[in-house]
Amino acid sequence: MRDLNNTPSSNTSIPHKGLLSSDPNQAIQQMMETIDQLRSVYERETETLDNADTAGFFALQEKKMDIASTYQSSISELINRKNEIKAATPNLKEKLEKAQKEFSALSQRNLDALSRMSNCIERLGDTLRNAAKDSAKEQQAVSYTQDGKLGIDDRKILSTGVSETA
C-alpha cells in the first residue's frame, strides 16, 4: 500500500491531509517558517504604519491575509496533532516555543501601531466633519415655517454623523 504522505511505511505517524508534514520534526520546522514569514510581514506593516505609508500598508494586506490563513491552519493542525508533536526533538520544540513568544510580542506591537493609526484616522474624520459643519453654518440658513412659508433663519442646526456600509 502506498503512503500518501511520502513517509516510510515504518513511520508511526497517522496519515493526514494537512498543510504540514506528517513527520513531527518537519512539521515544527514548517510552522517556524510560517511564523517567520508572518513576522516579516508584521514588521513591514508596523514600519509602514509608523511612517504613515498608507500605500505600503495596503500593498501588504493580501500577502498578510494569505500567510495569516496558512498560520491559522498550521497552528490548528499542530494543536490537533499534539500527541504526535510530542515525539519531536526537544530542541525543535523549544525553538518553536521561542519563535511563538517572539511572534506574540511582535503581534502586540503591530496591534498597538494599528490602534494608533485608527485613532489618527478617527481624529482626521472628526476634523473633516467639524470643518464641513462650520462651513455649512456660515452659509445662510433656509428653512420653512410651520405654515409652509419660506423662512430665513440665521441659526442653522446641523446634524452630522458617520454612515458606514459594507
N, C-alpha and C. Protein backbone atom coordinates (compact mmCIF):
# COMPACT_ATOMS: atom_id res chain seq x y z
N MET A 1 0.84 -1.19 0.00
CA MET A 1 0.00 0.00 0.00
C MET A 1 0.88 1.25 0.00
N ARG A 2 0.52 2.20 -0.81
CA ARG A 2 1.32 3.42 -0.95
C ARG A 2 0.99 4.40 0.16
N ASP A 3 2.02 5.01 0.77
CA ASP A 3 1.85 6.01 1.82
C ASP A 3 1.59 7.36 1.15
N LEU A 4 0.47 7.95 1.43
CA LEU A 4 0.07 9.20 0.79
C LEU A 4 0.89 10.39 1.26
N ASN A 5 1.56 10.27 2.39
CA ASN A 5 2.33 11.39 2.93
C ASN A 5 3.81 11.31 2.59
N ASN A 6 4.17 10.41 1.70
CA ASN A 6 5.56 10.25 1.28
C ASN A 6 6.50 9.98 2.45
N THR A 7 6.04 9.22 3.42
CA THR A 7 6.88 8.84 4.55
C THR A 7 7.04 7.34 4.52
N PRO A 8 8.12 6.83 5.05
CA PRO A 8 8.30 5.38 5.06
C PRO A 8 7.16 4.70 5.79
N SER A 9 6.82 3.49 5.36
CA SER A 9 5.71 2.78 5.97
C SER A 9 5.99 2.41 7.41
N SER A 10 7.26 2.45 7.86
CA SER A 10 7.57 2.14 9.25
C SER A 10 7.29 3.32 10.17
N ASN A 11 7.00 4.48 9.61
CA ASN A 11 6.69 5.66 10.41
C ASN A 11 5.39 5.43 11.16
N THR A 12 5.37 5.79 12.44
CA THR A 12 4.17 5.56 13.25
C THR A 12 3.21 6.74 13.17
N SER A 13 3.50 7.77 12.39
CA SER A 13 2.60 8.91 12.28
C SER A 13 1.31 8.50 11.61
N ILE A 14 0.24 9.09 12.04
CA ILE A 14 -1.06 8.84 11.45
C ILE A 14 -1.16 9.66 10.17
N PRO A 15 -1.50 9.05 9.05
CA PRO A 15 -1.62 9.82 7.81
C PRO A 15 -2.68 10.92 7.96
N HIS A 16 -2.40 12.07 7.39
CA HIS A 16 -3.33 13.19 7.46
C HIS A 16 -3.25 13.99 6.17
N LYS A 17 -4.18 14.90 6.02
CA LYS A 17 -4.25 15.69 4.80
C LYS A 17 -4.05 17.17 5.11
N GLY A 18 -3.17 17.49 6.04
CA GLY A 18 -2.97 18.87 6.44
C GLY A 18 -1.90 19.58 5.61
N LEU A 19 -1.61 20.80 6.03
CA LEU A 19 -0.58 21.60 5.37
C LEU A 19 0.82 21.15 5.76
N LEU A 20 0.94 20.60 6.95
CA LEU A 20 2.25 20.27 7.49
C LEU A 20 2.63 18.82 7.20
N SER A 21 3.92 18.60 7.23
CA SER A 21 4.46 17.27 7.01
C SER A 21 3.94 16.30 8.07
N SER A 22 3.88 15.03 7.72
CA SER A 22 3.47 14.02 8.70
C SER A 22 4.58 13.76 9.71
N ASP A 23 5.81 14.13 9.37
CA ASP A 23 6.93 13.99 10.30
C ASP A 23 6.87 15.14 11.32
N PRO A 24 6.82 14.85 12.62
CA PRO A 24 6.69 15.91 13.63
C PRO A 24 7.80 16.96 13.57
N ASN A 25 9.04 16.52 13.35
CA ASN A 25 10.15 17.48 13.28
C ASN A 25 10.00 18.40 12.07
N GLN A 26 9.63 17.81 10.97
CA GLN A 26 9.43 18.59 9.74
C GLN A 26 8.23 19.54 9.90
N ALA A 27 7.19 19.07 10.55
CA ALA A 27 6.00 19.91 10.77
C ALA A 27 6.36 21.13 11.62
N ILE A 28 7.15 20.92 12.65
CA ILE A 28 7.57 22.05 13.50
C ILE A 28 8.43 23.01 12.69
N GLN A 29 9.32 22.48 11.88
CA GLN A 29 10.17 23.33 11.04
C GLN A 29 9.31 24.16 10.08
N GLN A 30 8.30 23.54 9.48
CA GLN A 30 7.40 24.27 8.57
C GLN A 30 6.63 25.35 9.33
N MET A 31 6.21 25.04 10.55
CA MET A 31 5.48 26.02 11.35
C MET A 31 6.38 27.22 11.66
N MET A 32 7.63 26.96 11.98
CA MET A 32 8.56 28.07 12.27
C MET A 32 8.79 28.92 11.02
N GLU A 33 8.83 28.29 9.86
CA GLU A 33 8.97 29.06 8.61
C GLU A 33 7.75 29.94 8.37
N THR A 34 6.57 29.42 8.66
CA THR A 34 5.35 30.22 8.51
C THR A 34 5.36 31.39 9.49
N ILE A 35 5.79 31.14 10.73
CA ILE A 35 5.89 32.22 11.73
C ILE A 35 6.86 33.27 11.24
N ASP A 36 8.00 32.85 10.67
CA ASP A 36 8.98 33.81 10.16
C ASP A 36 8.40 34.65 9.02
N GLN A 37 7.64 34.02 8.13
CA GLN A 37 7.02 34.77 7.03
C GLN A 37 6.02 35.80 7.56
N LEU A 38 5.20 35.38 8.51
CA LEU A 38 4.21 36.31 9.05
C LEU A 38 4.88 37.40 9.88
N ARG A 39 5.93 37.03 10.61
CA ARG A 39 6.68 38.02 11.39
C ARG A 39 7.25 39.09 10.47
N SER A 40 7.80 38.66 9.34
CA SER A 40 8.37 39.60 8.38
C SER A 40 7.31 40.57 7.86
N VAL A 41 6.13 40.06 7.54
CA VAL A 41 5.04 40.92 7.06
C VAL A 41 4.61 41.88 8.17
N TYR A 42 4.49 41.38 9.40
CA TYR A 42 4.09 42.25 10.52
C TYR A 42 5.12 43.35 10.76
N GLU A 43 6.40 43.01 10.65
CA GLU A 43 7.44 44.02 10.83
C GLU A 43 7.32 45.11 9.76
N ARG A 44 7.12 44.69 8.50
CA ARG A 44 6.97 45.68 7.42
C ARG A 44 5.70 46.50 7.62
N GLU A 45 4.61 45.84 8.04
CA GLU A 45 3.36 46.56 8.25
C GLU A 45 3.51 47.58 9.38
N THR A 46 4.14 47.19 10.47
CA THR A 46 4.34 48.11 11.59
C THR A 46 5.19 49.29 11.14
N GLU A 47 6.21 49.01 10.34
CA GLU A 47 7.06 50.08 9.81
C GLU A 47 6.25 51.04 8.93
N THR A 48 5.39 50.50 8.07
CA THR A 48 4.58 51.38 7.21
C THR A 48 3.62 52.21 8.05
N LEU A 49 3.08 51.63 9.11
CA LEU A 49 2.18 52.38 9.98
C LEU A 49 2.93 53.48 10.72
N ASP A 50 4.12 53.16 11.22
CA ASP A 50 4.92 54.16 11.92
C ASP A 50 5.30 55.31 11.00
N ASN A 51 5.47 55.01 9.70
CA ASN A 51 5.84 56.04 8.73
C ASN A 51 4.64 56.65 8.01
N ALA A 52 3.44 56.27 8.43
CA ALA A 52 2.19 56.75 7.82
C ALA A 52 2.19 56.51 6.31
N ASP A 53 2.71 55.36 5.90
CA ASP A 53 2.77 54.98 4.49
C ASP A 53 1.54 54.13 4.17
N THR A 54 0.44 54.79 3.84
CA THR A 54 -0.81 54.06 3.60
C THR A 54 -0.72 53.18 2.36
N ALA A 55 -0.03 53.64 1.32
CA ALA A 55 0.09 52.82 0.11
C ALA A 55 0.85 51.53 0.43
N GLY A 56 1.93 51.64 1.17
CA GLY A 56 2.69 50.46 1.57
C GLY A 56 1.88 49.54 2.46
N PHE A 57 1.09 50.14 3.37
CA PHE A 57 0.24 49.36 4.27
C PHE A 57 -0.76 48.53 3.47
N PHE A 58 -1.47 49.17 2.54
CA PHE A 58 -2.48 48.46 1.75
C PHE A 58 -1.85 47.43 0.82
N ALA A 59 -0.63 47.68 0.36
CA ALA A 59 0.04 46.73 -0.52
C ALA A 59 0.36 45.42 0.20
N LEU A 60 0.51 45.47 1.52
CA LEU A 60 0.86 44.28 2.29
C LEU A 60 -0.35 43.42 2.69
N GLN A 61 -1.54 43.96 2.57
CA GLN A 61 -2.70 43.29 3.15
C GLN A 61 -3.03 41.93 2.55
N GLU A 62 -2.95 41.79 1.24
CA GLU A 62 -3.28 40.50 0.63
C GLU A 62 -2.28 39.42 1.06
N LYS A 63 -1.00 39.79 1.03
CA LYS A 63 0.04 38.84 1.45
C LYS A 63 -0.15 38.48 2.92
N LYS A 64 -0.45 39.47 3.74
CA LYS A 64 -0.65 39.23 5.17
C LYS A 64 -1.81 38.27 5.38
N MET A 65 -2.90 38.46 4.67
CA MET A 65 -4.06 37.59 4.83
C MET A 65 -3.75 36.16 4.40
N ASP A 66 -3.01 36.01 3.31
CA ASP A 66 -2.64 34.67 2.84
C ASP A 66 -1.78 33.94 3.87
N ILE A 67 -0.76 34.63 4.37
CA ILE A 67 0.15 33.99 5.33
C ILE A 67 -0.56 33.77 6.66
N ALA A 68 -1.40 34.71 7.07
CA ALA A 68 -2.14 34.55 8.33
C ALA A 68 -3.08 33.35 8.25
N SER A 69 -3.68 33.14 7.10
CA SER A 69 -4.55 31.99 6.91
C SER A 69 -3.76 30.68 7.03
N THR A 70 -2.59 30.65 6.40
CA THR A 70 -1.72 29.48 6.50
C THR A 70 -1.29 29.26 7.94
N TYR A 71 -0.95 30.35 8.63
CA TYR A 71 -0.54 30.26 10.03
C TYR A 71 -1.67 29.67 10.88
N GLN A 72 -2.86 30.20 10.70
CA GLN A 72 -4.00 29.73 11.49
C GLN A 72 -4.27 28.25 11.24
N SER A 73 -4.25 27.84 9.99
CA SER A 73 -4.47 26.43 9.66
C SER A 73 -3.37 25.55 10.23
N SER A 74 -2.13 26.02 10.12
CA SER A 74 -1.00 25.23 10.60
C SER A 74 -1.00 25.09 12.11
N ILE A 75 -1.31 26.18 12.81
CA ILE A 75 -1.31 26.11 14.27
C ILE A 75 -2.45 25.21 14.75
N SER A 76 -3.58 25.26 14.06
CA SER A 76 -4.69 24.36 14.40
C SER A 76 -4.29 22.91 14.19
N GLU A 77 -3.57 22.68 13.09
CA GLU A 77 -3.12 21.32 12.80
C GLU A 77 -2.15 20.83 13.88
N LEU A 78 -1.23 21.69 14.30
CA LEU A 78 -0.29 21.30 15.36
C LEU A 78 -1.03 20.96 16.65
N ILE A 79 -2.02 21.75 16.97
CA ILE A 79 -2.80 21.51 18.19
C ILE A 79 -3.53 20.17 18.08
N ASN A 80 -4.11 19.91 16.92
CA ASN A 80 -4.82 18.64 16.72
C ASN A 80 -3.88 17.44 16.75
N ARG A 81 -2.62 17.68 16.41
CA ARG A 81 -1.63 16.60 16.37
C ARG A 81 -0.69 16.63 17.56
N LYS A 82 -1.13 17.20 18.68
CA LYS A 82 -0.24 17.41 19.82
C LYS A 82 0.42 16.13 20.31
N ASN A 83 -0.26 15.02 20.25
CA ASN A 83 0.35 13.76 20.69
C ASN A 83 1.50 13.36 19.77
N GLU A 84 1.33 13.56 18.47
CA GLU A 84 2.41 13.27 17.53
C GLU A 84 3.57 14.23 17.72
N ILE A 85 3.26 15.50 17.95
CA ILE A 85 4.28 16.53 18.06
C ILE A 85 5.15 16.30 19.30
N LYS A 86 4.62 15.63 20.30
CA LYS A 86 5.41 15.30 21.49
C LYS A 86 6.64 14.47 21.13
N ALA A 87 6.57 13.75 20.02
CA ALA A 87 7.68 12.90 19.59
C ALA A 87 8.80 13.70 18.91
N ALA A 88 8.60 14.97 18.66
CA ALA A 88 9.61 15.79 18.00
C ALA A 88 10.79 16.01 18.95
N THR A 89 11.92 16.38 18.37
CA THR A 89 13.11 16.61 19.19
C THR A 89 12.88 17.81 20.12
N PRO A 90 13.34 17.70 21.36
CA PRO A 90 13.14 18.79 22.34
C PRO A 90 13.69 20.13 21.87
N ASN A 91 14.84 20.09 21.17
CA ASN A 91 15.44 21.32 20.68
C ASN A 91 14.51 22.06 19.73
N LEU A 92 13.88 21.33 18.82
CA LEU A 92 12.94 21.94 17.87
C LEU A 92 11.71 22.49 18.59
N LYS A 93 11.21 21.75 19.56
CA LYS A 93 10.04 22.22 20.30
C LYS A 93 10.36 23.51 21.06
N GLU A 94 11.59 23.60 21.62
CA GLU A 94 12.00 24.83 22.31
C GLU A 94 12.11 25.99 21.33
N LYS A 95 12.67 25.73 20.15
CA LYS A 95 12.78 26.78 19.13
C LYS A 95 11.40 27.28 18.71
N LEU A 96 10.46 26.35 18.54
CA LEU A 96 9.11 26.74 18.16
C LEU A 96 8.46 27.59 19.25
N GLU A 97 8.64 27.19 20.49
CA GLU A 97 8.07 27.96 21.61
C GLU A 97 8.67 29.36 21.67
N LYS A 98 9.99 29.46 21.47
CA LYS A 98 10.65 30.77 21.46
C LYS A 98 10.14 31.62 20.30
N ALA A 99 10.04 31.02 19.11
CA ALA A 99 9.55 31.75 17.93
C ALA A 99 8.12 32.24 18.16
N GLN A 100 7.30 31.41 18.79
CA GLN A 100 5.91 31.78 19.05
C GLN A 100 5.83 32.94 20.05
N LYS A 101 6.67 32.92 21.08
CA LYS A 101 6.69 34.02 22.07
C LYS A 101 7.14 35.33 21.43
N GLU A 102 8.19 35.26 20.61
CA GLU A 102 8.67 36.46 19.92
C GLU A 102 7.61 36.99 18.97
N PHE A 103 6.94 36.08 18.28
CA PHE A 103 5.88 36.48 17.35
C PHE A 103 4.73 37.14 18.10
N SER A 104 4.38 36.61 19.27
CA SER A 104 3.30 37.21 20.07
C SER A 104 3.64 38.63 20.48
N ALA A 105 4.89 38.85 20.88
CA ALA A 105 5.31 40.21 21.26
C ALA A 105 5.24 41.15 20.05
N LEU A 106 5.69 40.67 18.89
CA LEU A 106 5.62 41.49 17.67
C LEU A 106 4.17 41.77 17.30
N SER A 107 3.32 40.78 17.45
CA SER A 107 1.89 40.96 17.14
C SER A 107 1.30 42.07 18.00
N GLN A 108 1.70 42.13 19.27
CA GLN A 108 1.19 43.17 20.16
C GLN A 108 1.67 44.55 19.70
N ARG A 109 2.95 44.64 19.30
CA ARG A 109 3.46 45.93 18.79
C ARG A 109 2.70 46.34 17.53
N ASN A 110 2.40 45.36 16.67
CA ASN A 110 1.64 45.62 15.45
C ASN A 110 0.24 46.12 15.78
N LEU A 111 -0.41 45.46 16.74
CA LEU A 111 -1.76 45.90 17.16
C LEU A 111 -1.73 47.31 17.73
N ASP A 112 -0.68 47.64 18.48
CA ASP A 112 -0.54 48.99 19.02
C ASP A 112 -0.41 50.01 17.89
N ALA A 113 0.38 49.69 16.87
CA ALA A 113 0.55 50.59 15.73
C ALA A 113 -0.77 50.74 14.97
N LEU A 114 -1.51 49.64 14.81
CA LEU A 114 -2.82 49.70 14.15
C LEU A 114 -3.79 50.57 14.95
N SER A 115 -3.74 50.45 16.26
CA SER A 115 -4.61 51.25 17.12
C SER A 115 -4.27 52.74 17.00
N ARG A 116 -2.97 53.06 16.98
CA ARG A 116 -2.56 54.47 16.82
C ARG A 116 -3.06 55.02 15.49
N MET A 117 -2.93 54.21 14.42
CA MET A 117 -3.38 54.65 13.09
C MET A 117 -4.89 54.83 13.09
N SER A 118 -5.60 53.93 13.73
CA SER A 118 -7.05 54.04 13.81
C SER A 118 -7.46 55.32 14.52
N ASN A 119 -6.76 55.64 15.61
CA ASN A 119 -7.05 56.88 16.34
C ASN A 119 -6.78 58.11 15.48
N CYS A 120 -5.69 58.07 14.72
CA CYS A 120 -5.38 59.20 13.82
C CYS A 120 -6.46 59.38 12.76
N ILE A 121 -6.91 58.27 12.19
CA ILE A 121 -7.95 58.33 11.16
C ILE A 121 -9.25 58.86 11.77
N GLU A 122 -9.56 58.44 12.98
CA GLU A 122 -10.78 58.92 13.64
C GLU A 122 -10.69 60.42 13.90
N ARG A 123 -9.53 60.89 14.37
CA ARG A 123 -9.36 62.33 14.61
C ARG A 123 -9.45 63.11 13.30
N LEU A 124 -8.88 62.57 12.22
CA LEU A 124 -8.96 63.22 10.92
C LEU A 124 -10.42 63.31 10.47
N GLY A 125 -11.17 62.24 10.64
CA GLY A 125 -12.59 62.25 10.29
C GLY A 125 -13.36 63.29 11.10
N ASP A 126 -13.06 63.37 12.40
CA ASP A 126 -13.71 64.37 13.25
C ASP A 126 -13.39 65.78 12.76
N THR A 127 -12.13 66.01 12.40
CA THR A 127 -11.71 67.32 11.91
C THR A 127 -12.44 67.68 10.62
N LEU A 128 -12.54 66.71 9.70
CA LEU A 128 -13.24 66.97 8.44
C LEU A 128 -14.73 67.23 8.67
N ARG A 129 -15.36 66.44 9.56
CA ARG A 129 -16.78 66.67 9.85
C ARG A 129 -17.00 68.04 10.48
N ASN A 130 -16.14 68.41 11.40
CA ASN A 130 -16.28 69.73 12.04
C ASN A 130 -16.06 70.86 11.05
N ALA A 131 -15.11 70.71 10.13
CA ALA A 131 -14.87 71.73 9.11
C ALA A 131 -16.08 71.85 8.19
N ALA A 132 -16.66 70.72 7.80
CA ALA A 132 -17.85 70.76 6.94
C ALA A 132 -19.02 71.39 7.69
N LYS A 133 -19.16 71.06 8.95
CA LYS A 133 -20.24 71.61 9.77
C LYS A 133 -20.08 73.13 9.92
N ASP A 134 -18.85 73.57 10.20
CA ASP A 134 -18.60 75.01 10.34
C ASP A 134 -18.84 75.74 9.02
N SER A 135 -18.44 75.14 7.92
CA SER A 135 -18.66 75.76 6.61
C SER A 135 -20.15 75.87 6.31
N ALA A 136 -20.91 74.84 6.63
CA ALA A 136 -22.35 74.86 6.38
C ALA A 136 -23.04 75.90 7.26
N LYS A 137 -22.57 76.06 8.48
CA LYS A 137 -23.17 77.04 9.39
C LYS A 137 -22.94 78.47 8.91
N GLU A 138 -21.82 78.68 8.21
CA GLU A 138 -21.50 80.02 7.72
C GLU A 138 -22.40 80.43 6.57
N GLN A 139 -22.97 79.48 5.88
CA GLN A 139 -23.87 79.79 4.77
C GLN A 139 -25.22 80.20 5.34
N GLN A 140 -25.96 81.00 4.56
CA GLN A 140 -27.27 81.46 5.01
C GLN A 140 -28.21 80.27 5.14
N ALA A 141 -28.93 80.24 6.24
CA ALA A 141 -29.85 79.14 6.50
C ALA A 141 -31.19 79.39 5.85
N VAL A 142 -31.71 78.35 5.18
CA VAL A 142 -33.02 78.43 4.57
C VAL A 142 -33.88 77.34 5.20
N SER A 143 -35.07 77.74 5.65
CA SER A 143 -35.96 76.75 6.24
C SER A 143 -37.40 77.15 5.95
N TYR A 144 -38.31 76.28 6.29
CA TYR A 144 -39.73 76.55 6.08
C TYR A 144 -40.40 76.69 7.43
N THR A 145 -41.37 77.62 7.48
CA THR A 145 -42.10 77.82 8.73
C THR A 145 -43.17 76.75 8.89
N GLN A 146 -43.88 76.77 10.03
CA GLN A 146 -44.92 75.77 10.30
C GLN A 146 -46.04 75.82 9.28
N ASP A 147 -46.31 76.99 8.72
CA ASP A 147 -47.39 77.08 7.74
C ASP A 147 -46.88 76.96 6.30
N GLY A 148 -45.64 76.49 6.11
CA GLY A 148 -45.12 76.16 4.79
C GLY A 148 -44.49 77.31 4.04
N LYS A 149 -44.34 78.46 4.68
CA LYS A 149 -43.72 79.60 4.01
C LYS A 149 -42.20 79.52 4.16
N LEU A 150 -41.52 80.08 3.17
CA LEU A 150 -40.07 80.13 3.20
C LEU A 150 -39.65 81.07 4.31
N GLY A 151 -38.83 80.59 5.18
CA GLY A 151 -38.34 81.43 6.26
C GLY A 151 -36.82 81.42 6.25
N ILE A 152 -36.25 82.49 6.69
CA ILE A 152 -34.80 82.57 6.75
C ILE A 152 -34.42 82.64 8.21
N ASP A 153 -33.51 81.75 8.58
CA ASP A 153 -33.09 81.64 9.97
C ASP A 153 -31.58 81.80 10.01
N ASP A 154 -31.13 82.69 10.86
CA ASP A 154 -29.68 82.88 10.98
C ASP A 154 -29.02 81.71 11.72
N ARG A 155 -29.81 81.01 12.45
CA ARG A 155 -29.28 79.85 13.18
C ARG A 155 -29.60 78.59 12.38
N LYS A 156 -28.61 77.80 12.13
CA LYS A 156 -28.82 76.56 11.40
C LYS A 156 -28.38 75.41 12.29
N ILE A 157 -29.28 74.51 12.52
CA ILE A 157 -28.96 73.34 13.31
C ILE A 157 -28.54 72.23 12.35
N LEU A 158 -27.36 71.71 12.59
CA LEU A 158 -26.83 70.67 11.72
C LEU A 158 -26.64 69.38 12.51
N SER A 159 -26.93 68.32 11.85
CA SER A 159 -26.68 67.01 12.43
C SER A 159 -25.67 66.29 11.53
N THR A 160 -24.59 65.83 12.14
CA THR A 160 -23.59 65.11 11.36
C THR A 160 -23.35 63.76 11.99
N GLY A 161 -22.94 62.84 11.20
CA GLY A 161 -22.64 61.51 11.69
C GLY A 161 -21.89 60.74 10.63
N VAL A 162 -21.53 59.53 10.99
CA VAL A 162 -20.79 58.66 10.07
C VAL A 162 -21.70 57.52 9.67
N SER A 163 -21.79 57.30 8.38
CA SER A 163 -22.56 56.19 7.87
C SER A 163 -21.58 55.22 7.24
N GLU A 164 -21.50 54.01 7.83
CA GLU A 164 -20.58 53.01 7.29
C GLU A 164 -21.39 51.88 6.69
N THR A 165 -21.11 51.60 5.41
CA THR A 165 -21.77 50.47 4.75
C THR A 165 -20.70 49.58 4.15
N ALA A 166 -21.01 48.32 4.07
CA ALA A 166 -20.05 47.37 3.50
C ALA A 166 -20.46 47.02 2.10
